[in-house]
Amino acid sequence: MPRINLLPWRAARRKELQQEFIIQLSTALVMTLILMGVIYFYIASEIAHQNLLNDIFTREIQETETKIQLVNQLKKKIQDLKASIEIVQNLQTGRPDMVHLFDEVPRLLPDGVFFTSLKQNEQSLTIDGVAQSNAQVSSLMKRMGASKWLAEPTLDVIQNTAPTSTATTQNTSATQGAEATSKFTIHARQVRSDDGKKVVGP
């Protein structure tokens, strides 16, 4: 029976299988690298696209904030204009009342009473003055209470001031003849034409 030597065929087959394995492994490695490259470029393009969107959103936000600041500035200007218009309207409305007030004040003063200052804050009045006696201050308060252009007079401070004199004992009679004065502060409210208190007459 003839003998057939299969060793060269097996060695060749083994070598052929090794080459096929190496080719398949190389092909898989190349395909893996290609797939990883595709994934990398896809992710990189997505990141670049997202960065572009972020830049667009950032610019939009900045533009929106700028517009909001402009709107707030315009609102403030509108409020300032409204306040100025209201002040002008109040001045125009209160002009006749101010005339009435300045016309009324001299009529209220009894003899021997003098106003040293008159301050006004809206409708509130603060009046400082000097009188020769407390009775004259009382008379002034009664007149202010009966006035149609003043209301709620209150006497906050009254101070009796003794006469000052540098006279010597030889001039005692002159010192006794000098009169003491009463300094006072009165708070009152100005009555306007559109107030609830009825104003009758001019």
C-alpha atoms as a PDB file:
ATOM      1  CA  MET A   1       0.000   0.000   0.000  1.00  0.00           C
ATOM      2  CA  PRO A   2       1.509   3.369  -1.013  1.00  0.00           C
ATOM      3  CA  ARG A   3       2.212   5.985   1.698  1.00  0.00           C
ATOM      4  CA  ILE A   4       1.220   9.636   1.224  1.00  0.00           C
ATOM      5  CA  ASN A   5       3.095  12.312   3.185  1.00  0.00           C
ATOM      6  CA  LEU A   6       0.552  14.942   4.326  1.00  0.00           C
ATOM      7  CA  LEU A   7       2.990  17.079   6.316  1.00  0.00           C
ATOM      8  CA  PRO A   8       3.778  19.567   3.522  1.00  0.00           C
ATOM      9  CA  TRP A   9       0.050  20.033   2.854  1.00  0.00           C
ATOM     10  CA  ARG A  10      -0.737  20.550   6.510  1.00  0.00           C
ATOM     11  CA  ALA A  11       2.080  23.048   6.846  1.00  0.00           C
ATOM     12  CA  ALA A  12       0.870  24.892   3.789  1.00  0.00           C
ATOM     13  CA  ARG A  13      -2.695  24.818   5.076  1.00  0.00           C
ATOM     14  CA  ARG A  14      -1.569  26.094   8.463  1.00  0.00           C
ATOM     15  CA  LYS A  15       0.363  28.883   6.806  1.00  0.00           C
ATOM     16  CA  GLU A  16      -2.633  29.736   4.649  1.00  0.00           C
ATOM     17  CA  LEU A  17      -4.915  29.888   7.713  1.00  0.00           C
ATOM     18  CA  GLN A  18      -2.415  32.099   9.501  1.00  0.00           C
ATOM     19  CA  GLN A  19      -2.325  34.458   6.555  1.00  0.00           C
ATOM     20  CA  GLU A  20      -6.125  34.546   6.418  1.00  0.00           C
ATOM     21  CA  PHE A  21      -6.225  35.274  10.173  1.00  0.00           C
ATOM     22  CA  ILE A  22      -3.711  38.054   9.812  1.00  0.00           C
ATOM     23  CA  ILE A  23      -5.675  39.501   6.879  1.00  0.00           C
ATOM     24  CA  GLN A  24      -8.951  39.304   8.823  1.00  0.00           C
ATOM     25  CA  LEU A  25      -7.335  40.830  11.909  1.00  0.00           C
ATOM     26  CA  SER A  26      -5.814  43.630   9.832  1.00  0.00           C
ATOM     27  CA  THR A  27      -9.127  44.236   8.100  1.00  0.00           C
ATOM     28  CA  ALA A  28     -10.950  44.368  11.473  1.00  0.00           C
ATOM     29  CA  LEU A  29      -8.290  46.705  12.839  1.00  0.00           C
ATOM     30  CA  VAL A  30      -8.570  48.982   9.826  1.00  0.00           C
ATOM     31  CA  MET A  31     -12.370  48.936   9.984  1.00  0.00           C
ATOM     32  CA  THR A  32     -12.194  49.721  13.723  1.00  0.00           C
ATOM     33  CA  LEU A  33      -9.843  52.626  13.073  1.00  0.00           C
ATOM     34  CA  ILE A  34     -12.105  53.910  10.294  1.00  0.00           C
ATOM     35  CA  LEU A  35     -15.170  53.598  12.542  1.00  0.00           C
ATOM     36  CA  MET A  36     -13.375  55.363  15.407  1.00  0.00           C
ATOM     37  CA  GLY A  37     -12.304  58.100  12.995  1.00  0.00           C
ATOM     38  CA  VAL A  38     -15.886  58.529  11.772  1.00  0.00           C
ATOM     39  CA  ILE A  39     -17.156  58.669  15.354  1.00  0.00           C
ATOM     40  CA  TYR A  40     -14.442  61.136  16.331  1.00  0.00           C
ATOM     41  CA  PHE A  41     -15.174  63.446  13.415  1.00  0.00           C
ATOM     42  CA  TYR A  42     -18.909  63.167  14.084  1.00  0.00           C
ATOM     43  CA  ILE A  43     -18.462  64.074  17.755  1.00  0.00           C
ATOM     44  CA  ALA A  44     -16.035  66.868  16.834  1.00  0.00           C
ATOM     45  CA  SER A  45     -18.546  68.276  14.318  1.00  0.00           C
ATOM     46  CA  GLU A  46     -21.324  68.069  16.928  1.00  0.00           C
ATOM     47  CA  ILE A  47     -19.130  69.871  19.479  1.00  0.00           C
ATOM     48  CA  ALA A  48     -18.252  72.540  16.931  1.00  0.00           C
ATOM     49  CA  HIS A  49     -21.939  72.932  16.055  1.00  0.00           C
ATOM     50  CA  GLN A  50     -22.863  73.185  19.736  1.00  0.00           C
ATOM     51  CA  ASN A  51     -20.109  75.758  20.311  1.00  0.00           C
ATOM     52  CA  LEU A  52     -21.471  77.740  17.393  1.00  0.00           C
ATOM     53  CA  LEU A  53     -24.955  77.594  18.902  1.00  0.00           C
ATOM     54  CA  ASN A  54     -23.531  78.630  22.277  1.00  0.00           C
ATOM     55  CA  ASP A  55     -21.843  81.633  20.668  1.00  0.00           C
ATOM     56  CA  ILE A  56     -25.107  82.569  18.963  1.00  0.00           C
ATOM     57  CA  PHE A  57     -27.024  82.199  22.234  1.00  0.00           C
ATOM     58  CA  THR A  58     -24.393  84.245  24.081  1.00  0.00           C
ATOM     59  CA  ARG A  59     -24.683  87.068  21.543  1.00  0.00           C
ATOM     60  CA  GLU A  60     -28.468  86.889  21.716  1.00  0.00           C
ATOM     61  CA  ILE A  61     -28.354  87.051  25.525  1.00  0.00           C
ATOM     62  CA  GLN A  62     -25.982  90.027  25.437  1.00  0.00           C
ATOM     63  CA  GLU A  63     -28.187  91.828  22.910  1.00  0.00           C
ATOM     64  CA  THR A  64     -31.245  91.040  25.039  1.00  0.00           C
ATOM     65  CA  GLU A  65     -29.535  92.357  28.190  1.00  0.00           C
ATOM     66  CA  THR A  66     -28.554  95.519  26.304  1.00  0.00           C
ATOM     67  CA  LYS A  67     -32.148  95.965  25.151  1.00  0.00           C
ATOM     68  CA  ILE A  68     -33.383  95.379  28.716  1.00  0.00           C
ATOM     69  CA  GLN A  69     -30.995  98.044  29.987  1.00  0.00           C
ATOM     70  CA  LEU A  70     -32.242 100.454  27.323  1.00  0.00           C
ATOM     71  CA  VAL A  71     -35.841  99.664  28.252  1.00  0.00           C
ATOM     72  CA  ASN A  72     -35.064 100.259  31.949  1.00  0.00           C
ATOM     73  CA  GLN A  73     -33.365 103.559  31.078  1.00  0.00           C
ATOM     74  CA  LEU A  74     -36.377 104.577  28.995  1.00  0.00           C
ATOM     75  CA  LYS A  75     -38.712 103.605  31.857  1.00  0.00           C
ATOM     76  CA  LYS A  76     -36.664 105.710  34.270  1.00  0.00           C
ATOM     77  CA  LYS A  77     -36.712 108.654  31.849  1.00  0.00           C
ATOM     78  CA  ILE A  78     -40.475 108.257  31.470  1.00  0.00           C
ATOM     79  CA  GLN A  79     -40.884 108.182  35.263  1.00  0.00           C
ATOM     80  CA  ASP A  80     -38.673 111.267  35.600  1.00  0.00           C
ATOM     81  CA  LEU A  81     -40.690 113.039  32.911  1.00  0.00           C
ATOM     82  CA  LYS A  82     -43.944 112.073  34.613  1.00  0.00           C
ATOM     83  CA  ALA A  83     -42.589 113.344  37.935  1.00  0.00           C
ATOM     84  CA  SER A  84     -41.497 116.613  36.289  1.00  0.00           C
ATOM     85  CA  ILE A  85     -44.875 116.982  34.598  1.00  0.00           C
ATOM     86  CA  GLU A  86     -46.620 116.298  37.914  1.00  0.00           C
ATOM     87  CA  ILE A  87     -44.463 118.901  39.659  1.00  0.00           C
ATOM     88  CA  VAL A  88     -45.235 121.457  36.952  1.00  0.00           C
ATOM     89  CA  GLN A  89     -48.929 120.637  37.136  1.00  0.00           C
ATOM     90  CA  ASN A  90     -48.870 120.934  40.926  1.00  0.00           C
ATOM     91  CA  LEU A  91     -47.094 124.271  40.650  1.00  0.00           C
ATOM     92  CA  GLN A  92     -49.605 125.513  38.120  1.00  0.00           C
ATOM     93  CA  THR A  93     -52.490 124.223  40.216  1.00  0.00           C
ATOM     94  CA  GLY A  94     -51.064 125.601  43.455  1.00  0.00           C
ATOM     95  CA  ARG A  95     -50.097 128.997  42.062  1.00  0.00           C
ATOM     96  CA  PRO A  96     -53.399 130.675  43.065  1.00  0.00           C
ATOM     97  CA  ASP A  97     -53.212 128.954  46.474  1.00  0.00           C
ATOM     98  CA  MET A  98     -49.728 130.355  47.012  1.00  0.00           C
ATOM     99  CA  VAL A  99     -51.023 133.821  46.174  1.00  0.00           C
ATOM    100  CA  HIS A 100     -53.845 133.341  48.689  1.00  0.00           C
ATOM    101  CA  LEU A 101     -51.324 132.154  51.291  1.00  0.00           C
ATOM    102  CA  PHE A 102     -49.019 135.156  50.883  1.00  0.00           C
ATOM    103  CA  ASP A 103     -52.042 137.437  50.907  1.00  0.00           C
ATOM    104  CA  GLU A 104     -53.418 135.784  54.038  1.00  0.00           C
ATOM    105  CA  VAL A 105     -50.251 135.702  56.144  1.00  0.00           C
ATOM    106  CA  PRO A 106     -49.921 139.493  56.695  1.00  0.00           C
ATOM    107  CA  ARG A 107     -53.578 139.691  57.710  1.00  0.00           C
ATOM    108  CA  LEU A 108     -53.019 137.141  60.474  1.00  0.00           C
ATOM    109  CA  LEU A 109     -50.298 139.103  62.268  1.00  0.00           C
ATOM    110  CA  PRO A 110     -51.443 140.947  65.387  1.00  0.00           C
ATOM    111  CA  ASP A 111     -49.583 144.094  66.365  1.00  0.00           C
ATOM    112  CA  GLY A 112     -46.251 143.258  67.943  1.00  0.00           C
ATOM    113  CA  VAL A 113     -45.854 139.893  66.161  1.00  0.00           C
ATOM    114  CA  PHE A 114     -43.249 139.311  63.467  1.00  0.00           C
ATOM    115  CA  PHE A 115     -42.431 136.261  61.355  1.00  0.00           C
ATOM    116  CA  THR A 116     -38.715 135.548  61.029  1.00  0.00           C
ATOM    117  CA  SER A 117     -39.004 132.557  58.667  1.00  0.00           C
ATOM    118  CA  LEU A 118     -41.621 130.555  56.799  1.00  0.00           C
ATOM    119  CA  LYS A 119     -40.772 127.115  55.389  1.00  0.00           C
ATOM    120  CA  GLN A 120     -43.056 125.013  53.216  1.00  0.00           C
ATOM    121  CA  ASN A 121     -42.863 121.312  52.398  1.00  0.00           C
ATOM    122  CA  GLU A 122     -45.779 120.484  50.103  1.00  0.00           C
ATOM    123  CA  GLN A 123     -48.753 121.568  52.259  1.00  0.00           C
ATOM    124  CA  SER A 124     -46.886 121.617  55.573  1.00  0.00           C
ATOM    125  CA  LEU A 125     -45.828 125.023  56.882  1.00  0.00           C
ATOM    126  CA  THR A 126     -43.287 125.788  59.599  1.00  0.00           C
ATOM    127  CA  ILE A 127     -43.359 129.369  60.840  1.00  0.00           C
ATOM    128  CA  ASP A 128     -40.835 130.927  63.208  1.00  0.00           C
ATOM    129  CA  GLY A 129     -41.542 134.294  64.725  1.00  0.00           C
ATOM    130  CA  VAL A 130     -41.149 136.744  67.573  1.00  0.00           C
ATOM    131  CA  ALA A 131     -43.894 138.323  69.678  1.00  0.00           C
ATOM    132  CA  GLN A 132     -43.843 140.888  72.434  1.00  0.00           C
ATOM    133  CA  SER A 133     -46.049 138.716  74.647  1.00  0.00           C
ATOM    134  CA  ASN A 134     -47.604 135.275  74.903  1.00  0.00           C
ATOM    135  CA  ALA A 135     -51.052 136.864  74.552  1.00  0.00           C
ATOM    136  CA  GLN A 136     -50.137 138.029  71.064  1.00  0.00           C
ATOM    137  CA  VAL A 137     -49.055 134.479  70.155  1.00  0.00           C
ATOM    138  CA  SER A 138     -52.402 133.214  71.433  1.00  0.00           C
ATOM    139  CA  SER A 139     -54.197 135.809  69.304  1.00  0.00           C
ATOM    140  CA  LEU A 140     -52.167 134.686  66.282  1.00  0.00           C
ATOM    141  CA  MET A 141     -53.140 131.047  66.871  1.00  0.00           C
ATOM    142  CA  LYS A 142     -56.845 132.001  67.041  1.00  0.00           C
ATOM    143  CA  ARG A 143     -56.595 133.911  63.783  1.00  0.00           C
ATOM    144  CA  MET A 144     -54.794 131.019  62.075  1.00  0.00           C
ATOM    145  CA  GLY A 145     -57.456 128.616  63.334  1.00  0.00           C
ATOM    146  CA  ALA A 146     -60.172 130.812  61.816  1.00  0.00           C
ATOM    147  CA  SER A 147     -58.292 131.275  58.536  1.00  0.00           C
ATOM    148  CA  LYS A 148     -59.765 129.651  55.424  1.00  0.00           C
ATOM    149  CA  TRP A 149     -56.297 129.128  53.901  1.00  0.00           C
ATOM    150  CA  LEU A 150     -54.611 127.595  56.965  1.00  0.00           C
ATOM    151  CA  ALA A 151     -55.622 124.581  59.040  1.00  0.00           C
ATOM    152  CA  GLU A 152     -54.469 122.585  62.053  1.00  0.00           C
ATOM    153  CA  PRO A 153     -52.154 125.189  63.596  1.00  0.00           C
ATOM    154  CA  THR A 154     -50.040 123.799  66.431  1.00  0.00           C
ATOM    155  CA  LEU A 155     -47.665 125.684  68.674  1.00  0.00           C
ATOM    156  CA  ASP A 156     -44.591 123.523  69.193  1.00  0.00           C
ATOM    157  CA  VAL A 157     -42.038 125.858  70.741  1.00  0.00           C
ATOM    158  CA  ILE A 158     -42.403 129.063  72.670  1.00  0.00           C
ATOM    159  CA  GLN A 159     -39.531 130.666  74.509  1.00  0.00           C
ATOM    160  CA  ASN A 160     -39.574 133.806  76.583  1.00  0.00           C
ATOM    161  CA  THR A 161     -36.457 135.869  76.105  1.00  0.00           C
ATOM    162  CA  ALA A 162     -35.505 138.392  78.763  1.00  0.00           C
ATOM    163  CA  PRO A 163     -34.277 141.762  77.542  1.00  0.00           C
ATOM    164  CA  THR A 164     -30.528 142.025  77.228  1.00  0.00           C
ATOM    165  CA  SER A 165     -28.786 145.166  78.372  1.00  0.00           C
ATOM    166  CA  THR A 166     -25.223 146.238  79.006  1.00  0.00           C
ATOM    167  CA  ALA A 167     -26.401 149.135  81.121  1.00  0.00           C
ATOM    168  CA  THR A 168     -24.782 149.744  84.482  1.00  0.00           C
ATOM    169  CA  THR A 169     -26.630 150.108  87.736  1.00  0.00           C
ATOM    170  CA  GLN A 170     -27.166 153.778  86.944  1.00  0.00           C
ATOM    171  CA  ASN A 171     -29.354 152.693  83.969  1.00  0.00           C
ATOM    172  CA  THR A 172     -31.599 150.315  85.893  1.00  0.00           C
ATOM    173  CA  SER A 173     -34.711 152.253  84.926  1.00  0.00           C
ATOM    174  CA  ALA A 174     -33.909 151.891  81.222  1.00  0.00           C
ATOM    175  CA  THR A 175     -33.468 148.124  81.666  1.00  0.00           C
ATOM    176  CA  GLN A 176     -36.778 147.818  83.429  1.00  0.00           C
ATOM    177  CA  GLY A 177     -38.426 149.715  80.570  1.00  0.00           C
ATOM    178  CA  ALA A 178     -37.188 147.231  77.973  1.00  0.00           C
ATOM    179  CA  GLU A 179     -39.730 144.600  76.893  1.00  0.00           C
ATOM    180  CA  ALA A 180     -39.216 140.827  76.894  1.00  0.00           C
ATOM    181  CA  THR A 181     -39.939 138.887  73.708  1.00  0.00           C
ATOM    182  CA  SER A 182     -41.438 135.467  72.996  1.00  0.00           C
ATOM    183  CA  LYS A 183     -39.908 133.327  70.268  1.00  0.00           C
ATOM    184  CA  PHE A 184     -42.285 130.748  68.839  1.00  0.00           C
ATOM    185  CA  THR A 185     -42.579 128.015  66.207  1.00  0.00           C
ATOM    186  CA  ILE A 186     -45.915 127.146  64.665  1.00  0.00           C
ATOM    187  CA  HIS A 187     -46.756 124.249  62.335  1.00  0.00           C
ATOM    188  CA  ALA A 188     -49.816 124.444  60.113  1.00  0.00           C
ATOM    189  CA  ARG A 189     -51.261 122.973  56.945  1.00  0.00           C
ATOM    190  CA  GLN A 190     -51.943 125.020  53.851  1.00  0.00           C
ATOM    191  CA  VAL A 191     -55.486 124.655  52.585  1.00  0.00           C
ATOM    192  CA  ARG A 192     -55.702 124.364  48.817  1.00  0.00           C
ATOM    193  CA  SER A 193     -58.625 125.013  46.550  1.00  0.00           C
ATOM    194  CA  ASP A 194     -59.063 121.311  45.779  1.00  0.00           C
ATOM    195  CA  ASP A 195     -58.925 120.198  49.451  1.00  0.00           C
ATOM    196  CA  GLY A 196     -61.902 118.750  51.267  1.00  0.00           C
ATOM    197  CA  LYS A 197     -62.140 121.865  53.402  1.00  0.00           C
ATOM    198  CA  LYS A 198     -64.527 124.245  51.729  1.00  0.00           C
ATOM    199  CA  VAL A 199     -63.044 127.574  50.824  1.00  0.00           C
ATOM    200  CA  VAL A 200     -65.557 130.333  50.537  1.00  0.00           C
ATOM    201  CA  GLY A 201     -64.860 133.689  49.037  1.00  0.00           C
ATOM    202  CA  PRO A 202     -61.851 134.975  47.094  1.00  0.00           C
END
